[in-house]
Amino acid sequence: MRMRARTLLTPLALAAVLASAACGSSGSSGTGGGAASGSAAGDACAPVAGDQLVVLQDDKHLQNADNIVPAVNAAAAAANPALVPTLDKVSQVLTTDDVVKMNADVDVQRKSAEDVAAAYVADKGLDSGVSGGSGTIVVGGSNFTESTVLANVYADVLKAAGFTASVQAVGNRELYLPALERGEIQVFPEYLSTATEFINKQPEVNGPNAPAVASGDVDATVAALQPLAQKVGLVFGTPSKATDQNAFAVTKAFADQLNVSTLSELASACGDGSLTLAGPTECPTRPYCQPGLQDTYGLKFAGFTPTDTGGPLTKAAITRGDVSMGLVFSSDGALAQG
């Protein structure tokens, strides 16, 4: 499961972090058996500094499928047949690049979440071709930019369909999912695998020791989620192509030099073990991080630098050329293309 951190690297913050020689420079943790510079095992995939970050495609599905998906109170969906189909209109067009740009517009360009959502709805034509809505719908949003923007996108499209829709901030999943189940809010922009496992491990469903049922397969995870959701009075719409999950970024200069766009291509190009990795301190022991990269893709690392969870230290270590790659989030606004 991904670990969420919502600190974005603005241009000003990036400059400050890059100026600090200490940040992200703690060197190898010892888990990779070499120095963080990558010089111990060769230099085919040594770090390449650059200002622009790109994510390498997880083509073997190491990460669970955390596609953005509308979660809806089942009673509200039954009473309003247009509700889920209207939300699915958003899922039909929403991509990870869209979410990256909207996050950057709010966190870097300092636009309001409401204005960014309204512009997206208008640009994609989501305010036309929807109808049949009536009644009051409250869309919940969590306490970070992406959730707030998506909640406003949902609300704007619901308004266009005829609903009286509003957005309410409702905190973290431990607060908002019970509120959604009780019908205190009716809609929430959720993440497929994370929601699946949260519901799966609720005491009234399968309990905290239940085996995991989410995976990197979207269809299989949806199939596992549906009966779980029914037990707690929820229904889920169609997952979008947009994801917010753990991802691994390199500089564009690094990717261009090696001509790689996927983690499999990276493994083929980096057989000399010269890769270095940055991420949270638990990365060397977590299956979604260094061990997963080694076991799923056969990647070999010369060293690991402990930084943070997808935050400014990790991104600065990559852009500065201290490490070859690092753990980020797939919808991070810092990944927006110039």
Protein backbone atom coordinates (compact mmCIF):
# COMPACT_ATOMS: atom_id res chain seq x y z
CA MET A 1 0.00 0.00 0.00
CA ARG A 2 1.24 3.45 -0.69
CA MET A 3 2.26 5.81 2.07
CA ARG A 4 0.79 9.27 1.69
CA ALA A 5 2.75 12.46 2.18
CA ARG A 6 1.49 15.68 0.71
CA THR A 7 4.56 17.92 0.71
CA LEU A 8 5.20 19.22 -2.80
CA LEU A 9 8.44 20.75 -3.97
CA THR A 10 7.73 24.27 -5.19
CA PRO A 11 10.43 25.97 -7.28
CA LEU A 12 11.45 28.07 -4.26
CA ALA A 13 11.60 25.07 -1.96
CA LEU A 14 13.52 23.09 -4.56
CA ALA A 15 16.16 25.79 -4.75
CA ALA A 16 16.47 25.83 -0.97
CA VAL A 17 16.82 22.07 -0.72
CA LEU A 18 19.30 21.86 -3.56
CA ALA A 19 21.40 24.53 -1.88
CA SER A 20 21.73 22.43 1.24
CA ALA A 21 24.56 19.95 0.93
CA ALA A 22 23.32 18.00 3.92
CA CYS A 23 19.83 17.22 2.68
CA GLY A 24 19.43 13.69 1.36
CA SER A 25 23.17 13.10 1.49
CA SER A 26 23.38 10.56 4.29
CA GLY A 27 24.77 8.00 1.89
CA SER A 28 24.19 4.28 1.72
CA SER A 29 22.20 2.57 4.45
CA GLY A 30 24.34 -0.50 3.92
CA THR A 31 21.46 -2.40 2.39
CA GLY A 32 22.77 -2.13 -1.13
CA GLY A 33 26.40 -2.83 -0.35
CA GLY A 34 27.90 0.30 -1.90
CA ALA A 35 28.20 4.04 -1.84
CA ALA A 36 25.24 6.17 -2.80
CA SER A 37 27.16 7.62 -5.72
CA GLY A 38 26.83 4.35 -7.63
CA SER A 39 30.57 4.19 -8.34
CA ALA A 40 31.09 0.87 -6.52
CA ALA A 41 29.57 -1.39 -9.17
CA GLY A 42 29.95 0.49 -12.45
CA ASP A 43 28.52 3.60 -14.00
CA ALA A 44 26.03 2.51 -16.67
CA CYS A 45 23.14 3.78 -14.57
CA ALA A 46 24.87 6.29 -12.36
CA PRO A 47 22.76 9.34 -11.41
CA VAL A 48 22.19 12.11 -13.94
CA ALA A 49 21.19 15.48 -12.52
CA GLY A 50 18.28 17.39 -14.05
CA ASP A 51 15.41 19.71 -13.23
CA GLN A 52 12.59 17.56 -14.63
CA LEU A 53 11.39 14.32 -13.05
CA VAL A 54 9.61 11.50 -14.89
CA VAL A 55 8.02 8.33 -13.53
CA LEU A 56 9.03 4.97 -14.97
CA GLN A 57 6.04 2.77 -15.77
CA ASP A 58 5.42 -0.08 -13.33
CA ASP A 59 4.80 -2.50 -16.21
CA LYS A 60 4.82 -5.64 -14.01
CA HIS A 61 2.38 -4.17 -11.46
CA LEU A 62 4.57 -4.19 -8.37
CA GLN A 63 2.24 -1.60 -6.82
CA ASN A 64 -1.40 -2.22 -6.01
CA ALA A 65 -3.93 -0.60 -8.36
CA ASP A 66 -4.83 2.62 -6.57
CA ASN A 67 -6.95 4.06 -9.35
CA ILE A 68 -9.18 6.98 -8.43
CA VAL A 69 -12.76 5.73 -8.15
CA PRO A 70 -16.05 7.28 -6.94
CA ALA A 71 -17.30 5.82 -3.66
CA VAL A 72 -21.03 6.31 -3.10
CA ASN A 73 -23.46 5.63 -0.27
CA ALA A 74 -25.60 2.74 -1.49
CA ALA A 75 -28.90 4.21 -0.32
CA ALA A 76 -28.15 7.48 -2.11
CA ALA A 77 -27.25 5.60 -5.28
CA ALA A 78 -30.50 3.63 -5.15
CA ALA A 79 -32.56 6.78 -4.60
CA ASN A 80 -30.78 8.70 -7.39
CA PRO A 81 -30.24 6.46 -10.45
CA ALA A 82 -28.28 9.22 -12.23
CA LEU A 83 -25.73 9.55 -9.42
CA VAL A 84 -23.19 6.84 -10.23
CA PRO A 85 -23.45 7.24 -14.05
CA THR A 86 -22.75 10.97 -13.66
CA LEU A 87 -19.65 10.31 -11.58
CA ASP A 88 -18.52 7.68 -14.07
CA LYS A 89 -18.37 10.45 -16.68
CA VAL A 90 -15.42 11.82 -14.72
CA SER A 91 -13.77 8.41 -14.56
CA GLN A 92 -14.04 8.07 -18.34
CA VAL A 93 -11.72 11.03 -18.93
CA LEU A 94 -9.58 11.41 -15.78
CA THR A 95 -5.90 10.51 -16.22
CA THR A 96 -2.88 10.63 -13.96
CA ASP A 97 -1.45 13.50 -16.04
CA ASP A 98 -4.68 15.44 -15.42
CA VAL A 99 -4.34 14.96 -11.67
CA VAL A 100 -0.65 15.88 -11.70
CA LYS A 101 -1.46 19.14 -13.48
CA MET A 102 -4.36 19.99 -11.17
CA ASN A 103 -2.19 19.32 -8.11
CA ALA A 104 0.53 21.55 -9.54
CA ASP A 105 -1.97 24.31 -10.36
CA VAL A 106 -3.00 24.42 -6.70
CA ASP A 107 0.28 23.72 -4.89
CA VAL A 108 2.75 25.42 -7.24
CA GLN A 109 0.70 27.99 -9.14
CA ARG A 110 -1.37 28.79 -6.01
CA LYS A 111 -4.75 28.65 -7.72
CA SER A 112 -7.78 27.68 -5.67
CA ALA A 113 -9.00 24.09 -5.74
CA GLU A 114 -12.45 25.34 -6.75
CA ASP A 115 -11.13 27.29 -9.74
CA VAL A 116 -8.88 24.43 -10.87
CA ALA A 117 -11.78 21.96 -10.68
CA ALA A 118 -14.14 24.29 -12.56
CA ALA A 119 -11.58 24.82 -15.33
CA TYR A 120 -11.05 21.06 -15.67
CA VAL A 121 -14.78 20.35 -15.89
CA ALA A 122 -15.21 23.02 -18.57
CA ASP A 123 -12.12 21.94 -20.52
CA LYS A 124 -13.24 18.30 -20.64
CA GLY A 125 -16.86 19.18 -21.43
CA LEU A 126 -18.06 17.38 -18.31
CA ASP A 127 -20.72 20.04 -17.71
CA SER A 128 -22.65 18.91 -20.79
CA GLY A 129 -24.32 15.64 -21.69
CA VAL A 130 -25.25 14.85 -18.09
CA SER A 131 -28.79 15.02 -16.72
CA GLY A 132 -31.39 13.31 -14.56
CA GLY A 133 -30.09 14.44 -11.20
CA SER A 134 -32.19 15.82 -8.35
CA GLY A 135 -31.84 16.28 -4.62
CA THR A 136 -28.98 17.21 -2.32
CA ILE A 137 -25.61 15.47 -2.52
CA VAL A 138 -22.67 16.18 -0.22
CA VAL A 139 -19.28 15.26 -1.65
CA GLY A 140 -16.57 14.65 0.93
CA GLY A 141 -12.98 15.75 0.52
CA SER A 142 -9.98 14.81 2.64
CA ASN A 143 -7.27 17.08 4.01
CA PHE A 144 -4.92 17.24 1.04
CA THR A 145 -4.97 19.08 -2.28
CA GLU A 146 -5.79 16.21 -4.61
CA SER A 147 -8.82 15.04 -2.65
CA THR A 148 -10.17 18.59 -2.40
CA VAL A 149 -9.79 19.20 -6.13
CA LEU A 150 -11.41 15.88 -7.08
CA ALA A 151 -14.28 16.49 -4.67
CA ASN A 152 -14.94 19.80 -6.40
CA VAL A 153 -14.75 18.16 -9.84
CA TYR A 154 -17.36 15.61 -8.73
CA ALA A 155 -19.58 18.33 -7.24
CA ASP A 156 -19.41 20.52 -10.36
CA VAL A 157 -20.37 17.63 -12.63
CA LEU A 158 -23.20 16.62 -10.29
CA LYS A 159 -24.50 20.20 -10.36
CA ALA A 160 -24.45 20.12 -14.16
CA ALA A 161 -26.57 16.97 -14.02
CA GLY A 162 -29.19 18.66 -11.85
CA PHE A 163 -28.13 17.72 -8.33
CA THR A 164 -27.72 20.28 -5.55
CA ALA A 165 -24.12 19.38 -4.74
CA SER A 166 -21.67 20.77 -2.20
CA VAL A 167 -18.21 19.86 -0.88
CA GLN A 168 -17.50 19.14 2.77
CA ALA A 169 -14.04 18.63 4.30
CA VAL A 170 -14.19 15.44 6.36
CA GLY A 171 -10.63 14.53 7.35
CA ASN A 172 -8.93 11.16 6.97
CA ARG A 173 -10.28 7.76 5.97
CA GLU A 174 -10.96 6.71 9.56
CA LEU A 175 -13.44 9.62 9.69
CA TYR A 176 -14.85 9.92 6.20
CA LEU A 177 -15.52 6.29 5.33
CA PRO A 178 -17.84 5.74 8.33
CA ALA A 179 -19.53 9.06 7.48
CA LEU A 180 -20.04 7.80 3.92
CA GLU A 181 -21.39 4.47 5.17
CA ARG A 182 -23.85 6.29 7.47
CA GLY A 183 -24.99 8.59 4.65
CA GLU A 184 -23.75 11.79 6.32
CA ILE A 185 -21.94 12.38 3.05
CA GLN A 186 -23.00 10.65 -0.15
CA VAL A 187 -19.94 10.69 -2.42
CA PHE A 188 -16.17 10.55 -2.02
CA PRO A 189 -13.21 10.32 -4.47
CA GLU A 190 -11.45 7.16 -3.31
CA TYR A 191 -8.44 5.02 -4.21
CA LEU A 192 -9.27 1.51 -5.35
CA SER A 193 -6.82 -0.76 -3.54
CA THR A 194 -6.49 1.33 -0.40
CA ALA A 195 -10.28 1.51 0.01
CA THR A 196 -10.59 -2.22 -0.69
CA GLU A 197 -8.14 -3.17 2.05
CA PHE A 198 -9.54 -0.64 4.52
CA ILE A 199 -13.02 -2.12 4.15
CA ASN A 200 -11.68 -5.69 4.05
CA LYS A 201 -10.04 -5.23 7.45
CA GLN A 202 -12.97 -3.59 9.19
CA PRO A 203 -14.09 -5.70 12.20
CA GLU A 204 -17.62 -6.09 10.81
CA VAL A 205 -16.30 -7.31 7.44
CA ASN A 206 -13.31 -9.68 7.61
CA GLY A 207 -11.32 -8.17 10.45
CA PRO A 208 -7.79 -6.74 10.87
CA ASN A 209 -6.08 -10.07 10.17
CA ALA A 210 -7.88 -10.72 6.89
CA PRO A 211 -5.62 -11.71 3.97
CA ALA A 212 -5.10 -8.92 1.43
CA VAL A 213 -7.39 -9.06 -1.59
CA ALA A 214 -6.24 -5.97 -3.53
CA SER A 215 -3.57 -6.32 -6.20
CA GLY A 216 -2.06 -4.59 -9.20
CA ASP A 217 -4.91 -5.98 -11.35
CA VAL A 218 -7.68 -3.37 -11.54
CA ASP A 219 -10.43 -5.78 -12.61
CA ALA A 220 -9.55 -8.36 -9.96
CA THR A 221 -9.47 -5.69 -7.27
CA VAL A 222 -12.86 -4.33 -8.36
CA ALA A 223 -14.28 -7.86 -8.21
CA ALA A 224 -12.91 -8.28 -4.68
CA LEU A 225 -14.21 -4.87 -3.59
CA GLN A 226 -17.83 -5.21 -4.71
CA PRO A 227 -19.02 -7.76 -2.12
CA LEU A 228 -17.04 -6.04 0.62
CA ALA A 229 -18.63 -2.69 -0.22
CA GLN A 230 -22.11 -4.20 -0.07
CA LYS A 231 -21.49 -5.30 3.52
CA VAL A 232 -20.94 -1.70 4.63
CA GLY A 233 -23.60 -0.03 2.49
CA LEU A 234 -21.40 1.36 -0.27
CA VAL A 235 -21.19 1.10 -4.03
CA PHE A 236 -18.26 2.09 -6.21
CA GLY A 237 -18.34 3.53 -9.70
CA THR A 238 -15.94 2.82 -12.55
CA PRO A 239 -12.24 3.26 -11.74
CA SER A 240 -10.52 5.95 -13.77
CA LYS A 241 -7.15 5.55 -15.47
CA ALA A 242 -5.77 8.07 -12.99
CA THR A 243 -3.75 6.64 -10.11
CA ASP A 244 -2.15 7.95 -6.97
CA GLN A 245 0.23 5.25 -5.86
CA ASN A 246 3.88 4.61 -5.14
CA ALA A 247 6.02 5.23 -8.20
CA PHE A 248 9.70 5.49 -9.02
CA ALA A 249 11.07 8.63 -10.63
CA VAL A 250 14.29 9.50 -12.41
CA THR A 251 15.39 12.69 -14.09
CA LYS A 252 14.28 13.11 -17.68
CA ALA A 253 17.96 13.45 -18.57
CA PHE A 254 18.63 10.02 -17.04
CA ALA A 255 15.67 8.42 -18.85
CA ASP A 256 16.65 10.01 -22.15
CA GLN A 257 20.28 8.93 -21.80
CA LEU A 258 19.26 5.30 -21.28
CA ASN A 259 16.18 5.45 -23.53
CA VAL A 260 13.99 3.91 -20.83
CA SER A 261 10.36 4.53 -19.91
CA THR A 262 9.53 1.38 -17.89
CA LEU A 263 11.06 -0.37 -14.92
CA SER A 264 11.63 -3.46 -17.06
CA GLU A 265 13.64 -1.40 -19.54
CA LEU A 266 15.61 0.05 -16.64
CA ALA A 267 16.45 -3.45 -15.43
CA SER A 268 17.69 -4.41 -18.89
CA ALA A 269 19.86 -1.30 -19.10
CA CYS A 270 21.30 -1.51 -15.59
CA GLY A 271 22.77 -4.97 -15.23
CA ASP A 272 26.02 -3.68 -13.75
CA GLY A 273 24.36 -2.84 -10.42
CA SER A 274 25.16 0.86 -10.60
CA LEU A 275 21.68 2.07 -9.64
CA THR A 276 21.17 3.99 -6.42
CA LEU A 277 17.83 4.55 -4.72
CA ALA A 278 16.32 7.12 -2.35
CA GLY A 279 13.19 6.78 -0.25
CA PRO A 280 11.82 6.44 3.28
CA THR A 281 13.90 4.67 5.89
CA GLU A 282 11.68 1.56 5.71
CA CYS A 283 12.16 1.20 1.92
CA PRO A 284 14.89 -1.50 2.19
CA THR A 285 12.48 -3.80 4.04
CA ARG A 286 9.10 -3.03 2.42
CA PRO A 287 7.85 -5.24 -0.46
CA TYR A 288 6.57 -2.24 -2.45
CA CYS A 289 10.02 -0.60 -2.37
CA GLN A 290 13.59 -1.94 -2.69
CA PRO A 291 12.84 -5.68 -2.16
CA GLY A 292 9.95 -5.45 -4.64
CA LEU A 293 12.13 -3.79 -7.25
CA GLN A 294 14.73 -6.51 -6.77
CA ASP A 295 12.31 -9.45 -6.76
CA THR A 296 9.85 -8.25 -9.44
CA TYR A 297 12.25 -6.59 -11.87
CA GLY A 298 15.64 -8.03 -10.98
CA LEU A 299 17.06 -4.58 -10.29
CA LYS A 300 20.39 -4.44 -8.45
CA PHE A 301 21.41 -1.48 -6.31
CA ALA A 302 24.80 -0.13 -5.38
CA GLY A 303 23.34 1.83 -2.48
CA PHE A 304 20.31 3.31 -0.74
CA THR A 305 19.94 6.85 0.62
CA PRO A 306 17.25 7.36 3.30
CA THR A 307 15.31 10.56 2.62
CA ASP A 308 11.53 10.86 3.02
CA THR A 309 8.29 9.39 1.68
CA GLY A 310 7.86 10.95 -1.74
CA GLY A 311 8.74 14.36 -0.35
CA PRO A 312 11.19 17.19 -1.08
CA LEU A 313 14.30 15.36 0.12
CA THR A 314 13.73 12.43 -2.21
CA LYS A 315 13.00 14.65 -5.19
CA ALA A 316 15.98 16.87 -4.48
CA ALA A 317 18.29 13.86 -4.20
CA ILE A 318 17.17 12.74 -7.67
CA THR A 319 17.34 16.14 -9.37
CA ARG A 320 20.69 16.95 -7.79
CA GLY A 321 22.15 13.68 -9.09
CA ASP A 322 22.84 12.13 -5.69
CA VAL A 323 20.80 9.03 -6.58
CA SER A 324 19.60 7.41 -9.79
CA MET A 325 15.95 7.05 -8.75
CA GLY A 326 13.59 7.57 -5.86
CA LEU A 327 10.15 6.72 -4.49
CA VAL A 328 7.51 9.36 -5.28
CA PHE A 329 3.73 9.44 -5.74
CA SER A 330 2.39 9.00 -9.27
CA SER A 331 0.17 12.11 -9.12
CA ASP A 332 2.65 14.46 -7.44
CA GLY A 333 2.37 17.98 -8.81
CA ALA A 334 6.17 18.15 -9.03
CA LEU A 335 5.90 15.77 -12.00
CA ALA A 336 3.96 18.34 -14.08
CA GLN A 337 5.56 18.95 -17.44
CA GLY A 338 6.82 22.47 -17.96
